[in-house]
Each structure stands twice: as structure tokens, then as C-alpha cells.
């Protein structure tokens, strides 16, 4: 049986989660929203909420996917930004400092995109994987 993380004194004890999804509450889904753009990073560190003894790098995660929603609460459109694996130098895609190649997917179309475009989008859900 898998032991679930417990909260003790404001910390998560013994957390070892390979992937984290973060749903951002902004946009037209919420009435009291200030509609400011949410800034998120390629890498996040969760030591400050995961353990009382700070082990640098043990709880480091990197961005691997973003879901963006446009439209209203009743109707709209979702697109995804997904981090692919590294490509060999003979491929057309460019590696971005070891961060992998990013793709934009919308219904029937998929295209390569840049990390800058990913970080500029108005994210609805963020997916991070443990490094």
C-alpha cells in the first residue's frame, strides 16, 4: 500500500511525487480575479514545503507541459504546450540549453515552438516532473 504524504506543522512529510499538476485559478472562470498574468518558471524548487530539513535539489521539478484555455466558462478552446525529448544535432529542432524541444498542439495541428512562447502563454494548468 502506498503511503500518502501527510501534513505536519505546515510541511508535507515524505513526499516523493514524480509529477505535479498545478491548476491556476484566473481568467473568466473566477469572478473576483484581477486578471494579472501569472508568471511561472521552467524550474521550481519545493524544499520549503516538502520537508523540514532543506535538502537542496531533492525537490526540484522542471516544466514539461502547459494547458492554455481561451474563451469563456461555457465555451472555449484548449491548447497544449508539451516538452519533447532532446534531439540529435542532425534534426531540425533546436535544443534550448538542454531543456528539450517544445511543441504546440491545437486540435489537428502540432508545430514546434520556443520555450519563450511557452512561458508567455496564459497558463491554465502547469505540469512539472521531478528532476
N, C-alpha and C. Protein backbone atom coordinates (compact mmCIF):
# COMPACT_ATOMS: atom_id res chain seq x y z
N UNK A 1 0.83 -1.17 0.00
CA UNK A 1 0.00 0.00 0.00
C UNK A 1 0.89 1.25 0.00
N UNK A 2 0.57 2.21 -0.85
CA UNK A 2 1.34 3.44 -0.94
C UNK A 2 0.98 4.37 0.20
N UNK A 3 2.00 4.90 0.83
CA UNK A 3 1.79 5.84 1.93
C UNK A 3 1.55 7.23 1.35
N UNK A 4 0.45 7.86 1.72
CA UNK A 4 0.14 9.20 1.24
C UNK A 4 0.91 10.22 2.06
N UNK A 5 1.33 11.34 1.43
CA UNK A 5 2.02 12.38 2.19
C UNK A 5 1.10 12.94 3.27
N UNK A 6 1.69 13.27 4.41
CA UNK A 6 0.90 13.87 5.49
C UNK A 6 1.38 15.29 5.73
N UNK A 7 0.48 16.12 6.21
CA UNK A 7 0.84 17.50 6.52
C UNK A 7 1.07 17.59 8.02
N UNK A 8 2.25 18.07 8.40
CA UNK A 8 2.61 18.22 9.80
C UNK A 8 3.30 19.56 9.97
N UNK A 9 2.74 20.42 10.77
CA UNK A 9 3.31 21.75 11.01
C UNK A 9 3.52 22.54 9.72
N UNK A 10 2.59 22.41 8.77
CA UNK A 10 2.67 23.17 7.54
C UNK A 10 3.59 22.61 6.49
N UNK A 11 4.13 21.42 6.68
CA UNK A 11 5.03 20.80 5.72
C UNK A 11 4.43 19.48 5.24
N UNK A 12 4.81 19.10 4.05
CA UNK A 12 4.47 17.76 3.57
C UNK A 12 5.62 16.83 3.94
N UNK A 13 5.31 15.78 4.64
CA UNK A 13 6.34 14.83 5.06
C UNK A 13 6.46 13.70 4.06
N UNK A 14 7.69 13.29 3.79
CA UNK A 14 7.98 12.12 2.96
C UNK A 14 7.34 12.18 1.58
N UNK A 15 7.32 13.33 0.96
CA UNK A 15 6.72 13.43 -0.37
C UNK A 15 7.75 13.01 -1.41
N UNK A 16 7.36 12.17 -2.32
CA UNK A 16 8.22 11.77 -3.42
C UNK A 16 7.31 11.58 -4.63
N UNK A 17 6.89 12.69 -5.20
CA UNK A 17 5.93 12.69 -6.30
C UNK A 17 6.69 12.92 -7.60
N UNK A 18 6.58 12.01 -8.59
CA UNK A 18 7.33 12.17 -9.83
C UNK A 18 6.81 13.28 -10.73
N UNK A 19 5.54 13.64 -10.61
CA UNK A 19 4.96 14.68 -11.45
C UNK A 19 3.92 15.47 -10.65
N UNK A 20 3.86 16.77 -10.92
CA UNK A 20 2.92 17.65 -10.21
C UNK A 20 2.13 18.44 -11.24
N UNK A 21 0.82 18.52 -11.05
CA UNK A 21 -0.04 19.37 -11.86
C UNK A 21 -0.53 20.52 -11.01
N UNK A 22 -0.44 21.72 -11.53
CA UNK A 22 -0.86 22.92 -10.80
C UNK A 22 -1.92 23.63 -11.62
N UNK A 23 -3.14 23.72 -11.08
CA UNK A 23 -4.24 24.42 -11.75
C UNK A 23 -4.25 25.85 -11.26
N UNK A 24 -4.17 26.78 -12.20
CA UNK A 24 -4.14 28.20 -11.86
C UNK A 24 -5.56 28.75 -11.93
N UNK A 25 -5.97 29.45 -10.92
CA UNK A 25 -7.32 29.99 -10.86
C UNK A 25 -7.30 31.46 -11.25
N UNK A 26 -7.46 31.69 -12.53
CA UNK A 26 -7.51 33.06 -13.03
C UNK A 26 -8.33 33.08 -14.31
N UNK A 27 -8.54 34.25 -14.84
CA UNK A 27 -9.31 34.37 -16.08
C UNK A 27 -10.79 34.48 -15.80
N UNK A 28 -11.61 34.22 -16.81
CA UNK A 28 -13.05 34.39 -16.69
C UNK A 28 -13.72 33.31 -15.85
N UNK A 29 -12.97 32.29 -15.44
CA UNK A 29 -13.55 31.24 -14.62
C UNK A 29 -13.89 31.74 -13.21
N UNK A 30 -13.22 32.80 -12.78
CA UNK A 30 -13.38 33.29 -11.41
C UNK A 30 -13.75 34.77 -11.44
N UNK A 31 -14.82 35.12 -10.73
CA UNK A 31 -15.37 36.46 -10.79
C UNK A 31 -14.48 37.52 -10.12
N UNK A 32 -13.80 37.19 -9.04
CA UNK A 32 -13.01 38.18 -8.31
C UNK A 32 -11.54 38.18 -8.73
N UNK A 33 -11.30 37.86 -9.92
CA UNK A 33 -9.93 37.75 -10.41
C UNK A 33 -9.41 39.13 -10.85
N UNK A 34 -8.14 39.38 -10.60
CA UNK A 34 -7.56 40.66 -11.00
C UNK A 34 -7.02 40.62 -12.43
N UNK A 35 -7.11 39.47 -13.08
CA UNK A 35 -6.72 39.27 -14.48
C UNK A 35 -5.26 39.61 -14.75
N UNK A 36 -4.41 39.54 -13.73
CA UNK A 36 -2.98 39.73 -13.96
C UNK A 36 -2.39 38.44 -14.50
N UNK A 37 -1.39 38.58 -15.35
CA UNK A 37 -0.73 37.40 -15.91
C UNK A 37 0.03 36.68 -14.81
N UNK A 38 -0.12 35.37 -14.79
CA UNK A 38 0.61 34.55 -13.84
C UNK A 38 1.97 34.24 -14.44
N UNK A 39 3.02 34.54 -13.68
CA UNK A 39 4.39 34.28 -14.13
C UNK A 39 4.82 32.95 -13.53
N UNK A 40 5.32 32.06 -14.36
CA UNK A 40 5.79 30.77 -13.89
C UNK A 40 7.15 30.50 -14.50
N UNK A 41 7.88 29.56 -13.92
CA UNK A 41 9.25 29.31 -14.32
C UNK A 41 9.43 27.92 -14.90
N UNK A 42 10.54 27.75 -15.59
CA UNK A 42 10.91 26.46 -16.16
C UNK A 42 11.20 25.45 -15.05
N UNK A 43 11.82 25.90 -13.97
CA UNK A 43 12.13 25.02 -12.84
C UNK A 43 11.56 25.61 -11.55
N UNK A 44 11.08 24.70 -10.70
CA UNK A 44 10.62 25.12 -9.38
C UNK A 44 11.26 24.23 -8.32
N UNK A 45 11.44 24.79 -7.14
CA UNK A 45 12.01 24.08 -6.01
C UNK A 45 10.95 24.05 -4.91
N UNK A 46 10.68 22.87 -4.38
CA UNK A 46 9.63 22.73 -3.38
C UNK A 46 10.16 22.32 -2.01
N UNK A 47 11.44 22.50 -1.77
CA UNK A 47 12.01 22.13 -0.48
C UNK A 47 11.31 22.81 0.69
N UNK A 48 10.93 24.07 0.49
CA UNK A 48 10.33 24.84 1.58
C UNK A 48 8.96 24.33 2.02
N UNK A 49 8.29 23.53 1.20
CA UNK A 49 7.01 22.97 1.62
C UNK A 49 7.04 21.45 1.76
N UNK A 50 8.14 20.83 1.36
CA UNK A 50 8.19 19.37 1.35
C UNK A 50 8.88 18.76 2.55
N UNK A 51 9.75 19.48 3.18
CA UNK A 51 10.44 18.86 4.30
C UNK A 51 10.95 19.93 5.26
N UNK A 52 11.10 19.53 6.48
CA UNK A 52 11.63 20.44 7.49
C UNK A 52 13.13 20.61 7.35
N UNK A 53 13.80 19.59 6.88
CA UNK A 53 15.24 19.69 6.65
C UNK A 53 15.45 19.98 5.16
N UNK A 54 15.93 21.12 4.87
CA UNK A 54 16.06 21.53 3.46
C UNK A 54 17.20 20.77 2.81
N UNK A 55 16.85 19.93 1.85
CA UNK A 55 17.84 19.20 1.06
C UNK A 55 17.82 19.80 -0.33
N UNK A 56 18.77 20.65 -0.61
CA UNK A 56 18.82 21.38 -1.87
C UNK A 56 18.80 20.43 -3.06
N UNK A 57 17.89 20.64 -3.98
CA UNK A 57 17.82 19.87 -5.20
C UNK A 57 16.99 18.61 -5.12
N UNK A 58 16.66 18.15 -3.92
CA UNK A 58 15.90 16.90 -3.80
C UNK A 58 14.47 17.07 -4.30
N UNK A 59 13.93 18.26 -4.19
CA UNK A 59 12.56 18.53 -4.61
C UNK A 59 12.53 19.56 -5.72
N UNK A 60 13.33 19.31 -6.75
CA UNK A 60 13.39 20.21 -7.91
C UNK A 60 12.58 19.59 -9.05
N UNK A 61 11.76 20.43 -9.68
CA UNK A 61 10.89 19.98 -10.77
C UNK A 61 11.10 20.88 -11.98
N UNK A 62 10.91 20.31 -13.19
CA UNK A 62 11.01 21.12 -14.41
C UNK A 62 9.69 21.05 -15.17
N UNK A 63 9.39 22.12 -15.84
CA UNK A 63 8.17 22.25 -16.61
C UNK A 63 8.20 21.30 -17.80
N UNK A 64 7.11 20.52 -17.96
CA UNK A 64 7.03 19.60 -19.10
C UNK A 64 5.74 19.77 -19.89
N UNK A 65 4.80 20.54 -19.38
CA UNK A 65 3.55 20.74 -20.10
C UNK A 65 2.76 21.91 -19.57
N UNK A 66 2.04 22.56 -20.48
CA UNK A 66 1.18 23.69 -20.12
C UNK A 66 -0.11 23.56 -20.91
N UNK A 67 -1.23 23.75 -20.22
CA UNK A 67 -2.53 23.80 -20.90
C UNK A 67 -3.00 25.25 -20.82
N UNK A 68 -3.43 25.77 -21.96
CA UNK A 68 -3.93 27.15 -22.04
C UNK A 68 -5.38 27.11 -22.51
N UNK A 69 -6.23 27.91 -21.88
CA UNK A 69 -7.64 27.98 -22.25
C UNK A 69 -7.95 29.40 -22.72
N UNK A 70 -8.69 29.49 -23.82
CA UNK A 70 -9.18 30.79 -24.27
C UNK A 70 -10.68 30.67 -24.44
N UNK A 71 -11.38 31.74 -24.20
CA UNK A 71 -12.83 31.72 -24.30
C UNK A 71 -13.47 31.98 -22.95
N UNK A 72 -14.71 31.57 -22.84
CA UNK A 72 -15.46 31.81 -21.61
C UNK A 72 -15.61 30.52 -20.81
N UNK A 73 -16.31 30.63 -19.69
CA UNK A 73 -16.53 29.48 -18.84
C UNK A 73 -17.42 28.44 -19.52
N UNK A 74 -18.32 28.88 -20.35
CA UNK A 74 -19.26 27.96 -21.01
C UNK A 74 -18.74 27.37 -22.31
N UNK A 75 -17.85 28.09 -22.96
CA UNK A 75 -17.26 27.55 -24.18
C UNK A 75 -15.90 28.17 -24.41
N UNK A 76 -15.07 27.46 -25.09
CA UNK A 76 -13.73 27.95 -25.34
C UNK A 76 -12.90 26.89 -26.03
N UNK A 77 -11.61 27.11 -25.97
CA UNK A 77 -10.70 26.23 -26.69
C UNK A 77 -9.46 26.00 -25.82
N UNK A 78 -9.01 24.76 -25.77
CA UNK A 78 -7.80 24.40 -25.05
C UNK A 78 -6.69 24.09 -26.04
N UNK A 79 -5.49 24.53 -25.71
CA UNK A 79 -4.29 24.14 -26.46
C UNK A 79 -3.27 23.64 -25.45
N UNK A 80 -2.31 22.88 -25.93
CA UNK A 80 -1.28 22.34 -25.04
C UNK A 80 0.10 22.66 -25.58
N UNK A 81 0.99 22.90 -24.66
CA UNK A 81 2.41 23.03 -24.95
C UNK A 81 3.08 21.85 -24.24
N UNK A 82 3.86 21.07 -24.99
CA UNK A 82 4.43 19.84 -24.43
C UNK A 82 5.93 19.81 -24.72
N UNK A 83 6.68 19.48 -23.69
CA UNK A 83 8.13 19.35 -23.85
C UNK A 83 8.43 17.97 -24.39
N UNK A 84 9.15 17.93 -25.51
CA UNK A 84 9.59 16.66 -26.08
C UNK A 84 10.99 16.34 -25.60
N UNK A 85 11.52 15.23 -26.05
CA UNK A 85 12.87 14.85 -25.67
C UNK A 85 13.93 15.62 -26.45
N UNK A 86 15.15 15.37 -26.10
CA UNK A 86 16.27 16.00 -26.79
C UNK A 86 16.39 15.41 -28.19
N UNK A 87 16.77 16.22 -29.15
CA UNK A 87 17.01 15.74 -30.50
C UNK A 87 18.48 15.78 -30.81
N UNK A 88 18.90 14.91 -31.67
CA UNK A 88 20.29 14.92 -32.12
C UNK A 88 20.50 16.16 -32.99
N UNK A 89 21.71 16.60 -33.11
CA UNK A 89 22.01 17.83 -33.85
C UNK A 89 21.60 17.76 -35.32
N UNK A 90 21.42 16.56 -35.87
CA UNK A 90 21.03 16.45 -37.28
C UNK A 90 19.54 16.78 -37.49
N UNK A 91 18.73 16.80 -36.40
CA UNK A 91 17.31 17.12 -36.52
C UNK A 91 17.11 18.60 -36.77
N UNK A 92 15.90 18.97 -37.20
CA UNK A 92 15.61 20.37 -37.48
C UNK A 92 15.38 21.18 -36.20
N UNK A 93 14.89 20.51 -35.15
CA UNK A 93 14.59 21.24 -33.92
C UNK A 93 15.87 21.65 -33.22
N UNK A 94 15.80 22.76 -32.52
CA UNK A 94 16.95 23.25 -31.78
C UNK A 94 16.79 22.89 -30.31
N UNK A 95 17.89 22.46 -29.72
CA UNK A 95 17.87 22.22 -28.28
C UNK A 95 18.05 23.58 -27.62
N UNK A 96 17.33 23.78 -26.53
CA UNK A 96 17.43 25.05 -25.82
C UNK A 96 18.12 24.82 -24.49
N UNK A 97 19.43 24.85 -24.49
CA UNK A 97 20.23 24.68 -23.30
C UNK A 97 19.86 23.41 -22.54
N UNK A 98 19.67 22.31 -23.26
CA UNK A 98 19.34 21.06 -22.61
C UNK A 98 17.92 20.95 -22.11
N UNK A 99 17.07 21.85 -22.50
CA UNK A 99 15.70 21.87 -22.00
C UNK A 99 14.74 21.08 -22.87
N UNK A 100 15.20 20.57 -23.97
CA UNK A 100 14.32 19.80 -24.84
C UNK A 100 13.63 20.67 -25.86
N UNK A 101 12.91 20.03 -26.74
CA UNK A 101 12.18 20.71 -27.80
C UNK A 101 10.74 20.85 -27.34
N UNK A 102 10.12 21.98 -27.59
CA UNK A 102 8.73 22.23 -27.18
C UNK A 102 7.81 22.18 -28.39
N UNK A 103 6.59 21.67 -28.17
CA UNK A 103 5.58 21.57 -29.22
C UNK A 103 4.29 22.24 -28.77
N UNK A 104 3.61 22.85 -29.72
CA UNK A 104 2.29 23.46 -29.53
C UNK A 104 1.29 22.54 -30.22
N UNK A 105 0.23 22.14 -29.50
CA UNK A 105 -0.78 21.25 -30.08
C UNK A 105 -2.16 21.87 -29.93
N UNK A 106 -2.88 21.99 -31.05
CA UNK A 106 -4.22 22.54 -31.06
C UNK A 106 -5.06 21.76 -32.06
N UNK A 107 -6.00 20.99 -31.56
CA UNK A 107 -6.86 20.15 -32.40
C UNK A 107 -6.03 19.32 -33.38
N UNK A 108 -6.13 19.60 -34.66
CA UNK A 108 -5.47 18.75 -35.66
C UNK A 108 -4.07 19.22 -36.03
N UNK A 109 -3.57 20.28 -35.41
CA UNK A 109 -2.25 20.77 -35.80
C UNK A 109 -1.26 20.70 -34.63
N UNK A 110 -0.05 20.33 -34.96
CA UNK A 110 1.06 20.31 -34.00
C UNK A 110 2.23 20.98 -34.69
N UNK A 111 2.88 21.88 -33.95
CA UNK A 111 4.05 22.54 -34.52
C UNK A 111 5.10 22.73 -33.43
N UNK A 112 6.32 22.86 -33.86
CA UNK A 112 7.40 23.14 -32.92
C UNK A 112 7.29 24.59 -32.47
N UNK A 113 7.65 24.84 -31.22
CA UNK A 113 7.59 26.19 -30.70
C UNK A 113 8.80 26.44 -29.80
N UNK A 114 8.91 27.65 -29.29
CA UNK A 114 10.05 28.01 -28.45
C UNK A 114 9.65 28.01 -26.98
N UNK A 115 10.63 27.88 -26.12
CA UNK A 115 10.38 27.98 -24.68
C UNK A 115 9.85 29.37 -24.34
N UNK A 116 10.32 30.39 -25.02
CA UNK A 116 9.82 31.76 -24.77
C UNK A 116 8.31 31.84 -25.01
N UNK A 117 7.82 31.23 -26.08
CA UNK A 117 6.38 31.23 -26.34
C UNK A 117 5.62 30.49 -25.23
N UNK A 118 6.17 29.38 -24.79
CA UNK A 118 5.55 28.61 -23.72
C UNK A 118 5.42 29.46 -22.46
N UNK A 119 6.49 30.13 -22.09
CA UNK A 119 6.49 30.92 -20.85
C UNK A 119 5.66 32.19 -20.96
N UNK A 120 5.31 32.60 -22.18
CA UNK A 120 4.46 33.80 -22.37
C UNK A 120 2.97 33.47 -22.38
N UNK A 121 2.61 32.20 -22.57
CA UNK A 121 1.18 31.88 -22.69
C UNK A 121 0.47 32.06 -21.35
N UNK A 122 -0.83 32.23 -21.41
CA UNK A 122 -1.63 32.39 -20.19
C UNK A 122 -2.06 31.01 -19.73
N UNK A 123 -1.24 30.42 -18.88
CA UNK A 123 -1.43 29.03 -18.46
C UNK A 123 -2.67 28.84 -17.62
N UNK A 124 -3.32 27.71 -17.83
CA UNK A 124 -4.46 27.27 -17.04
C UNK A 124 -4.04 26.12 -16.12
N UNK A 125 -3.23 25.20 -16.67
CA UNK A 125 -2.67 24.10 -15.89
C UNK A 125 -1.20 23.96 -16.26
N UNK A 126 -0.36 23.77 -15.24
CA UNK A 126 1.08 23.54 -15.43
C UNK A 126 1.42 22.13 -14.99
N UNK A 127 2.30 21.47 -15.73
CA UNK A 127 2.76 20.13 -15.36
C UNK A 127 4.28 20.17 -15.18
N UNK A 128 4.72 19.73 -14.03
CA UNK A 128 6.15 19.66 -13.71
C UNK A 128 6.53 18.23 -13.38
N UNK A 129 7.74 17.81 -13.83
CA UNK A 129 8.24 16.48 -13.47
C UNK A 129 9.47 16.64 -12.59
N UNK A 130 9.63 15.68 -11.69
CA UNK A 130 10.77 15.71 -10.78
C UNK A 130 12.04 15.43 -11.57
N UNK A 131 13.07 16.19 -11.24
CA UNK A 131 14.38 16.03 -11.91
C UNK A 131 15.20 15.03 -11.12
